[in-house]
Amino acid sequence: MNTTQQDLDRLPRAPHPLSGQGWRRWYTVGLTALTAYSAALGWQAQAVSYPLFRAVAPDDFAAYHAQYNAAIPVVVVAPGFLTFLAGAAFYWVRPADVPRPAAVVVGAAGVTSLLSTVLWAIPMHDRLDRDGHVAATIDSLLRANLLRSVALTAGTLVLVGCLATSSQGKGRDRREDPRPRGGHDVRDGRD
């Protein structure tokens, strides 16, 4: 039996993953993973990395901080900035079933993380490079990181909630109520 192009054209096709809302769902899944990863890194820095700056002898601090800075671009900086920017854009690219308030929280987490990094944490790292082991600078870096970590954690929790409620609705837009106008669903007898 010969298959012609017409026969192939009549077969049902799966939607392209980047068509319609499909890419938005994958964006949300990817953003959730990135935000959770960045939040975990933030809490690790808050509990381990930055407090250990205090344990380094002042004479050894410049070399230690230089090694720290050299080690983080691929595992911390790049995913972090991708997370911040993707989170900030989430309001405009969210799937239709993600409520606006949730998207606002995720966007605010991205913007807060970006600004606390660029305007506060990076200047503290620069100050540590310039001035060396200064307790007040380490304390300020910890406060900047705490703000960033809390924002990323809030974004992660909201994104996980969005994915959980979306999967419960099997992709249906939650803003469309499937029940008849009276609010009673005749299919299963529940309100």
C-alpha atoms as a PDB file:
ATOM      1  CA  MET A   1       0.000   0.000   0.000  1.00  0.00           C
ATOM      2  CA  ASN A   2       1.429   3.362  -1.032  1.00  0.00           C
ATOM      3  CA  THR A   3       1.061   6.322   1.262  1.00  0.00           C
ATOM      4  CA  THR A   4       0.589   9.618  -0.487  1.00  0.00           C
ATOM      5  CA  GLN A   5       1.115  13.108   0.850  1.00  0.00           C
ATOM      6  CA  GLN A   6      -2.699  13.520   0.868  1.00  0.00           C
ATOM      7  CA  ASP A   7      -3.025  10.494   3.138  1.00  0.00           C
ATOM      8  CA  LEU A   8      -0.407  11.920   5.474  1.00  0.00           C
ATOM      9  CA  ASP A   9      -2.098  15.323   5.486  1.00  0.00           C
ATOM     10  CA  ARG A  10      -5.351  13.719   6.693  1.00  0.00           C
ATOM     11  CA  LEU A  11      -3.711  12.240   9.788  1.00  0.00           C
ATOM     12  CA  PRO A  12      -4.276  14.154  13.028  1.00  0.00           C
ATOM     13  CA  ARG A  13      -1.245  16.136  14.102  1.00  0.00           C
ATOM     14  CA  ALA A  14      -0.070  16.920  17.560  1.00  0.00           C
ATOM     15  CA  PRO A  15       0.211  20.639  18.170  1.00  0.00           C
ATOM     16  CA  HIS A  16       3.697  22.046  17.964  1.00  0.00           C
ATOM     17  CA  PRO A  17       5.027  22.532  21.510  1.00  0.00           C
ATOM     18  CA  LEU A  18       5.651  26.220  20.831  1.00  0.00           C
ATOM     19  CA  SER A  19       2.210  26.879  19.385  1.00  0.00           C
ATOM     20  CA  GLY A  20      -0.681  28.273  21.396  1.00  0.00           C
ATOM     21  CA  GLN A  21      -0.238  28.000  25.159  1.00  0.00           C
ATOM     22  CA  GLY A  22       2.182  25.025  25.051  1.00  0.00           C
ATOM     23  CA  TRP A  23       5.351  27.087  25.175  1.00  0.00           C
ATOM     24  CA  ARG A  24       3.955  29.120  28.059  1.00  0.00           C
ATOM     25  CA  ARG A  25       3.490  25.943  30.101  1.00  0.00           C
ATOM     26  CA  TRP A  26       7.088  24.879  29.416  1.00  0.00           C
ATOM     27  CA  TYR A  27       8.258  28.400  30.269  1.00  0.00           C
ATOM     28  CA  THR A  28       6.473  28.092  33.621  1.00  0.00           C
ATOM     29  CA  VAL A  29       7.967  24.663  34.310  1.00  0.00           C
ATOM     30  CA  GLY A  30      11.461  25.902  33.424  1.00  0.00           C
ATOM     31  CA  LEU A  31      11.028  29.074  35.450  1.00  0.00           C
ATOM     32  CA  THR A  32       9.843  27.046  38.444  1.00  0.00           C
ATOM     33  CA  ALA A  33      12.949  24.852  38.275  1.00  0.00           C
ATOM     34  CA  LEU A  34      15.291  27.824  37.838  1.00  0.00           C
ATOM     35  CA  THR A  35      13.651  29.813  40.634  1.00  0.00           C
ATOM     36  CA  ALA A  36      13.782  26.851  43.026  1.00  0.00           C
ATOM     37  CA  TYR A  37      17.446  26.297  42.121  1.00  0.00           C
ATOM     38  CA  SER A  38      18.302  29.973  42.666  1.00  0.00           C
ATOM     39  CA  ALA A  39      16.369  30.066  45.948  1.00  0.00           C
ATOM     40  CA  ALA A  40      18.263  26.996  47.175  1.00  0.00           C
ATOM     41  CA  LEU A  41      21.573  28.615  46.224  1.00  0.00           C
ATOM     42  CA  GLY A  42      20.512  31.767  48.042  1.00  0.00           C
ATOM     43  CA  TRP A  43      19.757  29.884  51.248  1.00  0.00           C
ATOM     44  CA  GLN A  44      23.021  27.954  50.953  1.00  0.00           C
ATOM     45  CA  ALA A  45      24.899  31.247  50.654  1.00  0.00           C
ATOM     46  CA  GLN A  46      22.933  32.683  53.587  1.00  0.00           C
ATOM     47  CA  ALA A  47      23.653  29.728  55.864  1.00  0.00           C
ATOM     48  CA  VAL A  48      27.113  28.642  54.683  1.00  0.00           C
ATOM     49  CA  SER A  49      29.080  30.609  52.081  1.00  0.00           C
ATOM     50  CA  TYR A  50      28.692  34.184  53.294  1.00  0.00           C
ATOM     51  CA  PRO A  51      29.032  33.388  57.030  1.00  0.00           C
ATOM     52  CA  LEU A  52      32.266  31.550  56.189  1.00  0.00           C
ATOM     53  CA  PHE A  53      33.654  34.836  54.858  1.00  0.00           C
ATOM     54  CA  ARG A  54      33.989  35.806  58.541  1.00  0.00           C
ATOM     55  CA  ALA A  55      36.129  32.744  59.266  1.00  0.00           C
ATOM     56  CA  VAL A  56      38.775  33.647  56.686  1.00  0.00           C
ATOM     57  CA  ALA A  57      41.819  35.413  58.083  1.00  0.00           C
ATOM     58  CA  PRO A  58      41.999  39.040  56.916  1.00  0.00           C
ATOM     59  CA  ASP A  59      45.381  38.432  55.264  1.00  0.00           C
ATOM     60  CA  ASP A  60      43.935  35.519  53.244  1.00  0.00           C
ATOM     61  CA  PHE A  61      40.611  37.126  52.409  1.00  0.00           C
ATOM     62  CA  ALA A  62      41.498  38.757  49.067  1.00  0.00           C
ATOM     63  CA  ALA A  63      42.702  35.442  47.603  1.00  0.00           C
ATOM     64  CA  TYR A  64      39.738  33.574  49.079  1.00  0.00           C
ATOM     65  CA  HIS A  65      37.202  36.042  47.682  1.00  0.00           C
ATOM     66  CA  ALA A  66      38.905  35.991  44.277  1.00  0.00           C
ATOM     67  CA  GLN A  67      38.591  32.185  44.210  1.00  0.00           C
ATOM     68  CA  TYR A  68      34.952  32.453  45.276  1.00  0.00           C
ATOM     69  CA  ASN A  69      34.235  34.962  42.489  1.00  0.00           C
ATOM     70  CA  ALA A  70      35.958  32.748  39.916  1.00  0.00           C
ATOM     71  CA  ALA A  71      33.916  29.701  40.963  1.00  0.00           C
ATOM     72  CA  ILE A  72      30.394  31.151  40.733  1.00  0.00           C
ATOM     73  CA  PRO A  73      29.715  32.490  37.191  1.00  0.00           C
ATOM     74  CA  VAL A  74      28.384  29.263  35.652  1.00  0.00           C
ATOM     75  CA  VAL A  75      26.667  27.758  38.698  1.00  0.00           C
ATOM     76  CA  VAL A  76      25.335  30.927  40.383  1.00  0.00           C
ATOM     77  CA  VAL A  77      25.530  34.094  38.285  1.00  0.00           C
ATOM     78  CA  ALA A  78      24.234  32.878  34.901  1.00  0.00           C
ATOM     79  CA  PRO A  79      21.272  30.866  36.238  1.00  0.00           C
ATOM     80  CA  GLY A  80      20.535  33.631  38.729  1.00  0.00           C
ATOM     81  CA  PHE A  81      20.242  36.395  36.161  1.00  0.00           C
ATOM     82  CA  LEU A  82      18.262  34.125  33.834  1.00  0.00           C
ATOM     83  CA  THR A  83      15.893  33.469  36.741  1.00  0.00           C
ATOM     84  CA  PHE A  84      15.552  37.151  37.641  1.00  0.00           C
ATOM     85  CA  LEU A  85      14.811  38.243  34.066  1.00  0.00           C
ATOM     86  CA  ALA A  86      12.492  35.329  33.250  1.00  0.00           C
ATOM     87  CA  GLY A  87      10.629  35.936  36.507  1.00  0.00           C
ATOM     88  CA  ALA A  88      10.301  39.645  35.788  1.00  0.00           C
ATOM     89  CA  ALA A  89       8.768  38.820  32.377  1.00  0.00           C
ATOM     90  CA  PHE A  90       6.371  36.176  33.715  1.00  0.00           C
ATOM     91  CA  TYR A  91       3.347  38.485  33.948  1.00  0.00           C
ATOM     92  CA  TRP A  92       3.399  38.948  30.172  1.00  0.00           C
ATOM     93  CA  VAL A  93       4.161  35.363  29.171  1.00  0.00           C
ATOM     94  CA  ARG A  94       2.211  33.382  31.755  1.00  0.00           C
ATOM     95  CA  PRO A  95      -0.236  30.659  30.681  1.00  0.00           C
ATOM     96  CA  ALA A  96      -3.897  31.716  30.556  1.00  0.00           C
ATOM     97  CA  ASP A  97      -4.754  29.702  33.663  1.00  0.00           C
ATOM     98  CA  VAL A  98      -2.231  31.513  35.881  1.00  0.00           C
ATOM     99  CA  PRO A  99      -4.058  34.235  37.827  1.00  0.00           C
ATOM    100  CA  ARG A 100      -2.746  37.788  37.531  1.00  0.00           C
ATOM    101  CA  PRO A 101      -1.983  38.115  41.273  1.00  0.00           C
ATOM    102  CA  ALA A 102       0.242  35.026  41.102  1.00  0.00           C
ATOM    103  CA  ALA A 103       2.047  36.432  38.071  1.00  0.00           C
ATOM    104  CA  VAL A 104       2.528  39.740  39.902  1.00  0.00           C
ATOM    105  CA  VAL A 105       4.177  37.942  42.844  1.00  0.00           C
ATOM    106  CA  VAL A 106       6.493  36.005  40.515  1.00  0.00           C
ATOM    107  CA  GLY A 107       7.337  39.176  38.585  1.00  0.00           C
ATOM    108  CA  ALA A 108       7.981  41.110  41.794  1.00  0.00           C
ATOM    109  CA  ALA A 109      10.246  38.299  43.002  1.00  0.00           C
ATOM    110  CA  GLY A 110      12.243  38.560  39.774  1.00  0.00           C
ATOM    111  CA  VAL A 111      12.539  42.343  39.936  1.00  0.00           C
ATOM    112  CA  THR A 112      13.355  42.315  43.673  1.00  0.00           C
ATOM    113  CA  SER A 113      16.034  39.675  43.149  1.00  0.00           C
ATOM    114  CA  LEU A 114      17.520  41.536  40.204  1.00  0.00           C
ATOM    115  CA  LEU A 115      17.611  44.892  41.997  1.00  0.00           C
ATOM    116  CA  SER A 116      18.910  43.492  45.303  1.00  0.00           C
ATOM    117  CA  THR A 117      21.688  41.779  43.361  1.00  0.00           C
ATOM    118  CA  VAL A 118      22.689  44.649  41.075  1.00  0.00           C
ATOM    119  CA  LEU A 119      22.204  47.531  43.508  1.00  0.00           C
ATOM    120  CA  TRP A 120      23.218  45.875  46.772  1.00  0.00           C
ATOM    121  CA  ALA A 121      24.938  42.462  46.650  1.00  0.00           C
ATOM    122  CA  ILE A 122      27.317  43.164  43.759  1.00  0.00           C
ATOM    123  CA  PRO A 123      28.468  46.476  45.290  1.00  0.00           C
ATOM    124  CA  MET A 124      29.140  44.614  48.566  1.00  0.00           C
ATOM    125  CA  HIS A 125      31.238  42.036  46.706  1.00  0.00           C
ATOM    126  CA  ASP A 126      33.079  44.887  44.973  1.00  0.00           C
ATOM    127  CA  ARG A 127      33.679  46.502  48.359  1.00  0.00           C
ATOM    128  CA  LEU A 128      35.030  43.212  49.712  1.00  0.00           C
ATOM    129  CA  ASP A 129      37.390  43.040  46.721  1.00  0.00           C
ATOM    130  CA  ARG A 130      38.537  46.602  47.349  1.00  0.00           C
ATOM    131  CA  ASP A 131      38.601  46.798  51.166  1.00  0.00           C
ATOM    132  CA  GLY A 132      39.056  43.171  52.143  1.00  0.00           C
ATOM    133  CA  HIS A 133      37.603  41.484  55.202  1.00  0.00           C
ATOM    134  CA  VAL A 134      35.198  44.042  56.721  1.00  0.00           C
ATOM    135  CA  ALA A 135      32.486  42.691  59.059  1.00  0.00           C
ATOM    136  CA  ALA A 136      29.993  45.452  58.239  1.00  0.00           C
ATOM    137  CA  THR A 137      30.284  44.691  54.506  1.00  0.00           C
ATOM    138  CA  ILE A 138      29.744  40.973  55.084  1.00  0.00           C
ATOM    139  CA  ASP A 139      26.694  41.817  57.237  1.00  0.00           C
ATOM    140  CA  SER A 140      25.312  44.030  54.471  1.00  0.00           C
ATOM    141  CA  LEU A 141      25.913  41.283  51.902  1.00  0.00           C
ATOM    142  CA  LEU A 142      23.982  38.877  54.129  1.00  0.00           C
ATOM    143  CA  ARG A 143      21.037  41.326  54.305  1.00  0.00           C
ATOM    144  CA  ALA A 144      21.031  41.753  50.514  1.00  0.00           C
ATOM    145  CA  ASN A 145      21.121  38.003  50.056  1.00  0.00           C
ATOM    146  CA  LEU A 146      18.340  37.487  52.607  1.00  0.00           C
ATOM    147  CA  LEU A 147      16.046  39.811  50.650  1.00  0.00           C
ATOM    148  CA  ARG A 148      16.904  38.009  47.408  1.00  0.00           C
ATOM    149  CA  SER A 149      16.438  34.556  48.957  1.00  0.00           C
ATOM    150  CA  VAL A 150      13.061  35.437  50.482  1.00  0.00           C
ATOM    151  CA  ALA A 151      11.877  36.877  47.150  1.00  0.00           C
ATOM    152  CA  LEU A 152      13.029  33.795  45.238  1.00  0.00           C
ATOM    153  CA  THR A 153      11.392  31.499  47.786  1.00  0.00           C
ATOM    154  CA  ALA A 154       8.091  33.371  47.446  1.00  0.00           C
ATOM    155  CA  GLY A 155       8.343  33.127  43.665  1.00  0.00           C
ATOM    156  CA  THR A 156       9.092  29.402  43.881  1.00  0.00           C
ATOM    157  CA  LEU A 157       6.116  28.713  46.150  1.00  0.00           C
ATOM    158  CA  VAL A 158       3.728  30.634  43.909  1.00  0.00           C
ATOM    159  CA  LEU A 159       5.049  28.921  40.767  1.00  0.00           C
ATOM    160  CA  VAL A 160       4.732  25.472  42.341  1.00  0.00           C
ATOM    161  CA  GLY A 161       1.175  26.375  43.344  1.00  0.00           C
ATOM    162  CA  CYS A 162       0.412  27.497  39.786  1.00  0.00           C
ATOM    163  CA  LEU A 163       1.700  24.239  38.355  1.00  0.00           C
ATOM    164  CA  ALA A 164      -0.171  22.165  40.943  1.00  0.00           C
ATOM    165  CA  THR A 165      -3.508  23.862  40.318  1.00  0.00           C
ATOM    166  CA  SER A 166      -2.938  23.836  36.574  1.00  0.00           C
ATOM    167  CA  SER A 167      -2.332  20.090  36.529  1.00  0.00           C
ATOM    168  CA  GLN A 168      -5.480  19.563  38.626  1.00  0.00           C
ATOM    169  CA  GLY A 169      -7.457  21.453  36.011  1.00  0.00           C
ATOM    170  CA  LYS A 170      -5.851  19.350  33.247  1.00  0.00           C
ATOM    171  CA  GLY A 171      -4.798  22.472  31.371  1.00  0.00           C
ATOM    172  CA  ARG A 172      -8.271  24.026  31.358  1.00  0.00           C
ATOM    173  CA  ASP A 173      -8.441  27.769  31.839  1.00  0.00           C
ATOM    174  CA  ARG A 174      -9.670  28.064  35.441  1.00  0.00           C
ATOM    175  CA  ARG A 175     -11.351  31.359  34.628  1.00  0.00           C
ATOM    176  CA  GLU A 176     -13.924  29.441  32.608  1.00  0.00           C
ATOM    177  CA  ASP A 177     -16.400  27.836  35.018  1.00  0.00           C
ATOM    178  CA  PRO A 178     -17.706  24.594  33.435  1.00  0.00           C
ATOM    179  CA  ARG A 179     -20.790  24.527  35.664  1.00  0.00           C
ATOM    180  CA  PRO A 180     -24.205  25.768  34.564  1.00  0.00           C
ATOM    181  CA  ARG A 181     -25.183  29.257  35.742  1.00  0.00           C
ATOM    182  CA  GLY A 182     -26.785  28.087  38.987  1.00  0.00           C
ATOM    183  CA  GLY A 183     -23.383  26.996  40.320  1.00  0.00           C
ATOM    184  CA  HIS A 184     -24.547  23.374  40.632  1.00  0.00           C
ATOM    185  CA  ASP A 185     -22.767  20.783  38.547  1.00  0.00           C
ATOM    186  CA  VAL A 186     -25.431  18.350  37.354  1.00  0.00           C
ATOM    187  CA  ARG A 187     -22.805  15.821  36.246  1.00  0.00           C
ATOM    188  CA  ASP A 188     -21.704  14.820  39.725  1.00  0.00           C
ATOM    189  CA  GLY A 189     -24.231  16.395  42.091  1.00  0.00           C
ATOM    190  CA  ARG A 190     -21.618  18.612  43.822  1.00  0.00           C
ATOM    191  CA  ASP A 191     -21.694  22.368  44.264  1.00  0.00           C
END
